[in-house]
Amino acid sequence: MKKTAKVRKENKKLNNKGFTLAELLLATIILLFATQLIAESIQLASKSYITSLAKSEAQMISSTLSDFIRGELTTASDVIVGSGGEIDSFIDESGRLGGRCKFTVDEGMLALKATSGEEYFPVQGKKVNGTPVSNYVNDIEIDSFSATSDGKGKYDISFSLKRKGVELASSKFTVYSINKQPE
């Protein structure tokens, strides 16, 4: 009998290689915290990437719109300036639409609109069946647009692009006409 108790005691010492319940619980808690930290880091990195991508896209749209406006106003003739200095309309010499045109903001997108009603969107192109080809990417839209003139061929332009109320890009520049304005 003494031998059997001694054998059991030795077997118990040999089989005591596992973890205790407390050790398992502690390891599980540490693993849960590490997983949560990794998940939140990935979420933060993803948000940051989406924001920087939207800013980059807004800057590309801003550059395209700036080039378009410069091209239109550089060659514009017979510019009509309102009492507050804003550009009411001009003769489109670029050949895009021809005739008397003005800049408008339609559904958050800048458009060149002819008196005939035809519109040209510099990022998307012309409307198809009365609908723009597409909106700007990622719900980016023009928040404010201002085009003023001194009446002598100098035009001050400013606009900003926003998405969900957050400004992503803005542009402010001056354009000089190559056509002499009437005195």
C-alpha atoms as a PDB file:
ATOM      1  CA  MET A   1       0.000   0.000   0.000  1.00  0.00           C
ATOM      2  CA  LYS A   2       2.801   2.362   0.801  1.00  0.00           C
ATOM      3  CA  LYS A   3       4.266   1.639  -2.587  1.00  0.00           C
ATOM      4  CA  THR A   4       1.052   2.583  -4.396  1.00  0.00           C
ATOM      5  CA  ALA A   5       0.797   5.911  -2.571  1.00  0.00           C
ATOM      6  CA  LYS A   6       4.408   6.625  -3.435  1.00  0.00           C
ATOM      7  CA  VAL A   7       3.771   5.800  -7.133  1.00  0.00           C
ATOM      8  CA  ARG A   8       0.698   8.061  -7.185  1.00  0.00           C
ATOM      9  CA  LYS A   9       2.686  10.893  -5.655  1.00  0.00           C
ATOM     10  CA  GLU A  10       5.428  10.473  -8.286  1.00  0.00           C
ATOM     11  CA  ASN A  11       2.824  10.317 -11.103  1.00  0.00           C
ATOM     12  CA  LYS A  12       1.220  13.517  -9.806  1.00  0.00           C
ATOM     13  CA  LYS A  13       4.580  15.290  -9.925  1.00  0.00           C
ATOM     14  CA  LEU A  14       5.155  14.060 -13.501  1.00  0.00           C
ATOM     15  CA  ASN A  15       1.663  15.128 -14.722  1.00  0.00           C
ATOM     16  CA  ASN A  16       1.903  18.622 -13.193  1.00  0.00           C
ATOM     17  CA  LYS A  17       2.987  20.204 -16.503  1.00  0.00           C
ATOM     18  CA  GLY A  18      -0.227  22.216 -17.358  1.00  0.00           C
ATOM     19  CA  PHE A  19      -1.340  25.774 -16.617  1.00  0.00           C
ATOM     20  CA  THR A  20      -3.509  26.770 -13.721  1.00  0.00           C
ATOM     21  CA  LEU A  21      -6.917  28.341 -14.317  1.00  0.00           C
ATOM     22  CA  ALA A  22      -5.612  31.731 -13.143  1.00  0.00           C
ATOM     23  CA  GLU A  23      -2.737  31.596 -15.644  1.00  0.00           C
ATOM     24  CA  LEU A  24      -5.139  30.726 -18.477  1.00  0.00           C
ATOM     25  CA  LEU A  25      -7.482  33.586 -17.544  1.00  0.00           C
ATOM     26  CA  LEU A  26      -4.607  36.061 -17.376  1.00  0.00           C
ATOM     27  CA  ALA A  27      -3.282  34.953 -20.785  1.00  0.00           C
ATOM     28  CA  THR A  28      -6.781  35.263 -22.295  1.00  0.00           C
ATOM     29  CA  ILE A  29      -7.229  38.787 -20.901  1.00  0.00           C
ATOM     30  CA  ILE A  30      -3.823  39.869 -22.251  1.00  0.00           C
ATOM     31  CA  LEU A  31      -4.704  38.391 -25.659  1.00  0.00           C
ATOM     32  CA  LEU A  32      -8.055  40.239 -25.690  1.00  0.00           C
ATOM     33  CA  PHE A  33      -6.380  43.576 -24.888  1.00  0.00           C
ATOM     34  CA  ALA A  34      -3.752  43.019 -27.590  1.00  0.00           C
ATOM     35  CA  THR A  35      -6.450  42.125 -30.155  1.00  0.00           C
ATOM     36  CA  GLN A  36      -8.477  45.235 -29.249  1.00  0.00           C
ATOM     37  CA  LEU A  37      -5.385  47.438 -29.566  1.00  0.00           C
ATOM     38  CA  ILE A  38      -4.568  46.000 -32.998  1.00  0.00           C
ATOM     39  CA  ALA A  39      -8.181  46.397 -34.191  1.00  0.00           C
ATOM     40  CA  GLU A  40      -8.314  50.056 -33.095  1.00  0.00           C
ATOM     41  CA  SER A  41      -4.937  50.750 -34.721  1.00  0.00           C
ATOM     42  CA  ILE A  42      -6.159  49.312 -38.015  1.00  0.00           C
ATOM     43  CA  GLN A  43      -9.367  51.350 -37.803  1.00  0.00           C
ATOM     44  CA  LEU A  44      -7.419  54.559 -37.114  1.00  0.00           C
ATOM     45  CA  ALA A  45      -5.005  53.860 -39.978  1.00  0.00           C
ATOM     46  CA  SER A  46      -7.927  53.174 -42.310  1.00  0.00           C
ATOM     47  CA  LYS A  47      -9.648  56.462 -41.356  1.00  0.00           C
ATOM     48  CA  SER A  48      -6.414  58.364 -41.846  1.00  0.00           C
ATOM     49  CA  TYR A  49      -5.887  56.776 -45.263  1.00  0.00           C
ATOM     50  CA  ILE A  50      -9.438  57.611 -46.413  1.00  0.00           C
ATOM     51  CA  THR A  51      -9.058  61.227 -45.259  1.00  0.00           C
ATOM     52  CA  SER A  52      -5.704  61.683 -46.989  1.00  0.00           C
ATOM     53  CA  LEU A  53      -7.095  60.066 -50.154  1.00  0.00           C
ATOM     54  CA  ALA A  54     -10.067  62.466 -50.127  1.00  0.00           C
ATOM     55  CA  LYS A  55      -7.728  65.445 -49.648  1.00  0.00           C
ATOM     56  CA  SER A  56      -5.583  64.255 -52.533  1.00  0.00           C
ATOM     57  CA  GLU A  57      -8.632  63.829 -54.781  1.00  0.00           C
ATOM     58  CA  ALA A  58      -9.914  67.286 -53.755  1.00  0.00           C
ATOM     59  CA  GLN A  59      -6.536  68.816 -54.619  1.00  0.00           C
ATOM     60  CA  MET A  60      -6.634  67.166 -58.056  1.00  0.00           C
ATOM     61  CA  ILE A  61     -10.169  68.487 -58.637  1.00  0.00           C
ATOM     62  CA  SER A  62      -9.066  71.922 -57.422  1.00  0.00           C
ATOM     63  CA  SER A  63      -6.146  71.923 -59.846  1.00  0.00           C
ATOM     64  CA  THR A  64      -8.384  70.858 -62.749  1.00  0.00           C
ATOM     65  CA  LEU A  65     -10.962  73.540 -61.938  1.00  0.00           C
ATOM     66  CA  SER A  66      -8.271  76.214 -61.563  1.00  0.00           C
ATOM     67  CA  ASP A  67      -6.774  75.333 -64.954  1.00  0.00           C
ATOM     68  CA  PHE A  68     -10.239  75.342 -66.532  1.00  0.00           C
ATOM     69  CA  ILE A  69     -11.184  78.746 -65.075  1.00  0.00           C
ATOM     70  CA  ARG A  70      -7.814  80.240 -66.076  1.00  0.00           C
ATOM     71  CA  GLY A  71      -8.282  78.964 -69.630  1.00  0.00           C
ATOM     72  CA  GLU A  72     -11.788  80.383 -69.885  1.00  0.00           C
ATOM     73  CA  LEU A  73     -11.068  83.804 -68.392  1.00  0.00           C
ATOM     74  CA  THR A  74      -7.718  84.302 -70.131  1.00  0.00           C
ATOM     75  CA  THR A  75      -9.448  84.176 -73.526  1.00  0.00           C
ATOM     76  CA  ALA A  76     -12.851  85.596 -72.469  1.00  0.00           C
ATOM     77  CA  SER A  77     -14.136  88.735 -74.126  1.00  0.00           C
ATOM     78  CA  ASP A  78     -16.961  91.177 -73.413  1.00  0.00           C
ATOM     79  CA  VAL A  79     -17.014  90.366 -69.692  1.00  0.00           C
ATOM     80  CA  ILE A  80     -20.034  91.807 -67.918  1.00  0.00           C
ATOM     81  CA  VAL A  81     -19.287  92.740 -64.312  1.00  0.00           C
ATOM     82  CA  GLY A  82     -22.081  93.230 -61.761  1.00  0.00           C
ATOM     83  CA  SER A  83     -22.339  96.166 -59.381  1.00  0.00           C
ATOM     84  CA  GLY A  84     -20.562  94.177 -56.634  1.00  0.00           C
ATOM     85  CA  GLY A  85     -17.666  93.306 -58.928  1.00  0.00           C
ATOM     86  CA  GLU A  86     -18.841  89.737 -59.569  1.00  0.00           C
ATOM     87  CA  ILE A  87     -18.518  88.321 -63.086  1.00  0.00           C
ATOM     88  CA  ASP A  88     -22.057  87.992 -64.495  1.00  0.00           C
ATOM     89  CA  SER A  89     -21.188  86.602 -67.919  1.00  0.00           C
ATOM     90  CA  PHE A  90     -18.632  86.637 -70.726  1.00  0.00           C
ATOM     91  CA  ILE A  91     -18.178  85.573 -74.328  1.00  0.00           C
ATOM     92  CA  ASP A  92     -16.590  82.116 -74.411  1.00  0.00           C
ATOM     93  CA  GLU A  93     -13.650  82.312 -76.804  1.00  0.00           C
ATOM     94  CA  SER A  94     -12.293  78.856 -75.863  1.00  0.00           C
ATOM     95  CA  GLY A  95     -14.721  77.095 -78.184  1.00  0.00           C
ATOM     96  CA  ARG A  96     -16.134  74.766 -75.523  1.00  0.00           C
ATOM     97  CA  LEU A  97     -19.662  76.134 -75.691  1.00  0.00           C
ATOM     98  CA  GLY A  98     -19.296  79.413 -77.584  1.00  0.00           C
ATOM     99  CA  GLY A  99     -21.456  82.466 -77.085  1.00  0.00           C
ATOM    100  CA  ARG A 100     -22.299  84.178 -73.820  1.00  0.00           C
ATOM    101  CA  CYS A 101     -21.540  82.026 -70.773  1.00  0.00           C
ATOM    102  CA  LYS A 102     -21.219  82.204 -67.030  1.00  0.00           C
ATOM    103  CA  PHE A 103     -19.813  80.057 -64.240  1.00  0.00           C
ATOM    104  CA  THR A 104     -22.420  78.309 -62.103  1.00  0.00           C
ATOM    105  CA  VAL A 105     -22.369  75.790 -59.280  1.00  0.00           C
ATOM    106  CA  ASP A 106     -24.820  73.000 -60.101  1.00  0.00           C
ATOM    107  CA  GLU A 107     -25.391  70.219 -57.553  1.00  0.00           C
ATOM    108  CA  GLY A 108     -22.066  71.057 -55.858  1.00  0.00           C
ATOM    109  CA  MET A 109     -20.107  71.007 -59.139  1.00  0.00           C
ATOM    110  CA  LEU A 110     -18.679  73.923 -61.110  1.00  0.00           C
ATOM    111  CA  ALA A 111     -20.145  74.301 -64.597  1.00  0.00           C
ATOM    112  CA  LEU A 112     -19.759  76.632 -67.545  1.00  0.00           C
ATOM    113  CA  LYS A 113     -23.312  77.468 -68.614  1.00  0.00           C
ATOM    114  CA  ALA A 114     -24.203  79.004 -71.965  1.00  0.00           C
ATOM    115  CA  THR A 115     -27.240  81.232 -72.437  1.00  0.00           C
ATOM    116  CA  SER A 116     -28.599  78.416 -74.640  1.00  0.00           C
ATOM    117  CA  GLY A 117     -28.821  76.305 -71.465  1.00  0.00           C
ATOM    118  CA  GLU A 118     -26.030  73.932 -72.457  1.00  0.00           C
ATOM    119  CA  GLU A 119     -23.617  73.164 -69.622  1.00  0.00           C
ATOM    120  CA  TYR A 120     -20.039  71.938 -69.543  1.00  0.00           C
ATOM    121  CA  PHE A 121     -18.574  70.397 -66.387  1.00  0.00           C
ATOM    122  CA  PRO A 122     -14.752  70.634 -66.434  1.00  0.00           C
ATOM    123  CA  VAL A 123     -14.157  67.443 -64.451  1.00  0.00           C
ATOM    124  CA  GLN A 124     -16.993  65.314 -65.855  1.00  0.00           C
ATOM    125  CA  GLY A 125     -17.695  66.752 -69.331  1.00  0.00           C
ATOM    126  CA  LYS A 126     -21.116  67.621 -70.755  1.00  0.00           C
ATOM    127  CA  LYS A 127     -24.400  66.451 -69.334  1.00  0.00           C
ATOM    128  CA  VAL A 128     -25.889  63.299 -70.859  1.00  0.00           C
ATOM    129  CA  ASN A 129     -29.698  63.471 -71.088  1.00  0.00           C
ATOM    130  CA  GLY A 130     -29.714  66.358 -68.629  1.00  0.00           C
ATOM    131  CA  THR A 131     -27.594  64.556 -66.027  1.00  0.00           C
ATOM    132  CA  PRO A 132     -23.889  65.076 -65.312  1.00  0.00           C
ATOM    133  CA  VAL A 133     -21.736  62.085 -66.197  1.00  0.00           C
ATOM    134  CA  SER A 134     -20.921  61.689 -62.487  1.00  0.00           C
ATOM    135  CA  ASN A 135     -20.422  63.742 -59.348  1.00  0.00           C
ATOM    136  CA  TYR A 136     -16.983  64.481 -57.981  1.00  0.00           C
ATOM    137  CA  VAL A 137     -15.449  61.479 -56.244  1.00  0.00           C
ATOM    138  CA  ASN A 138     -16.152  60.677 -52.582  1.00  0.00           C
ATOM    139  CA  ASP A 139     -19.017  63.192 -52.229  1.00  0.00           C
ATOM    140  CA  ILE A 140     -16.634  66.135 -52.674  1.00  0.00           C
ATOM    141  CA  GLU A 141     -18.448  69.311 -53.685  1.00  0.00           C
ATOM    142  CA  ILE A 142     -17.844  73.006 -54.150  1.00  0.00           C
ATOM    143  CA  ASP A 143     -18.768  74.815 -50.975  1.00  0.00           C
ATOM    144  CA  SER A 144     -18.159  78.378 -52.100  1.00  0.00           C
ATOM    145  CA  PHE A 145     -17.275  79.988 -55.422  1.00  0.00           C
ATOM    146  CA  SER A 146     -16.421  83.601 -56.099  1.00  0.00           C
ATOM    147  CA  ALA A 147     -15.354  85.234 -59.373  1.00  0.00           C
ATOM    148  CA  THR A 148     -14.847  89.002 -59.270  1.00  0.00           C
ATOM    149  CA  SER A 149     -13.284  91.510 -61.635  1.00  0.00           C
ATOM    150  CA  ASP A 150     -11.881  95.004 -61.553  1.00  0.00           C
ATOM    151  CA  GLY A 151     -13.512  95.579 -64.969  1.00  0.00           C
ATOM    152  CA  LYS A 152     -10.129  95.934 -66.682  1.00  0.00           C
ATOM    153  CA  GLY A 153      -9.240  92.299 -67.375  1.00  0.00           C
ATOM    154  CA  LYS A 154      -8.127  91.237 -63.887  1.00  0.00           C
ATOM    155  CA  TYR A 155     -10.179  88.438 -62.324  1.00  0.00           C
ATOM    156  CA  ASP A 156      -9.937  87.211 -58.736  1.00  0.00           C
ATOM    157  CA  ILE A 157     -11.170  83.662 -58.236  1.00  0.00           C
ATOM    158  CA  SER A 158     -11.666  81.676 -55.049  1.00  0.00           C
ATOM    159  CA  PHE A 159     -13.411  78.445 -54.213  1.00  0.00           C
ATOM    160  CA  SER A 160     -13.290  75.654 -51.661  1.00  0.00           C
ATOM    161  CA  LEU A 161     -14.049  71.958 -51.852  1.00  0.00           C
ATOM    162  CA  LYS A 162     -15.680  70.156 -48.943  1.00  0.00           C
ATOM    163  CA  ARG A 163     -16.875  66.689 -48.041  1.00  0.00           C
ATOM    164  CA  LYS A 164     -19.429  66.236 -45.276  1.00  0.00           C
ATOM    165  CA  GLY A 165     -18.798  69.775 -44.033  1.00  0.00           C
ATOM    166  CA  VAL A 166     -15.005  69.401 -43.816  1.00  0.00           C
ATOM    167  CA  GLU A 167     -12.873  71.563 -46.096  1.00  0.00           C
ATOM    168  CA  LEU A 168     -10.447  69.427 -48.093  1.00  0.00           C
ATOM    169  CA  ALA A 169      -8.946  71.961 -50.510  1.00  0.00           C
ATOM    170  CA  SER A 170      -9.266  75.601 -51.463  1.00  0.00           C
ATOM    171  CA  SER A 171      -7.915  77.767 -54.218  1.00  0.00           C
ATOM    172  CA  LYS A 172      -7.471  81.508 -54.608  1.00  0.00           C
ATOM    173  CA  PHE A 173      -5.803  83.027 -57.657  1.00  0.00           C
ATOM    174  CA  THR A 174      -5.812  85.922 -60.123  1.00  0.00           C
ATOM    175  CA  VAL A 175      -6.250  85.649 -63.889  1.00  0.00           C
ATOM    176  CA  TYR A 176      -5.419  88.340 -66.433  1.00  0.00           C
ATOM    177  CA  SER A 177      -7.271  88.456 -69.743  1.00  0.00           C
ATOM    178  CA  ILE A 178      -5.345  88.533 -73.015  1.00  0.00           C
ATOM    179  CA  ASN A 179      -8.323  90.349 -74.578  1.00  0.00           C
ATOM    180  CA  LYS A 180      -8.659  94.050 -73.875  1.00  0.00           C
ATOM    181  CA  GLN A 181     -11.787  94.858 -71.910  1.00  0.00           C
ATOM    182  CA  PRO A 182     -14.033  97.688 -73.129  1.00  0.00           C
ATOM    183  CA  GLU A 183     -13.597 100.946 -71.214  1.00  0.00           C
END
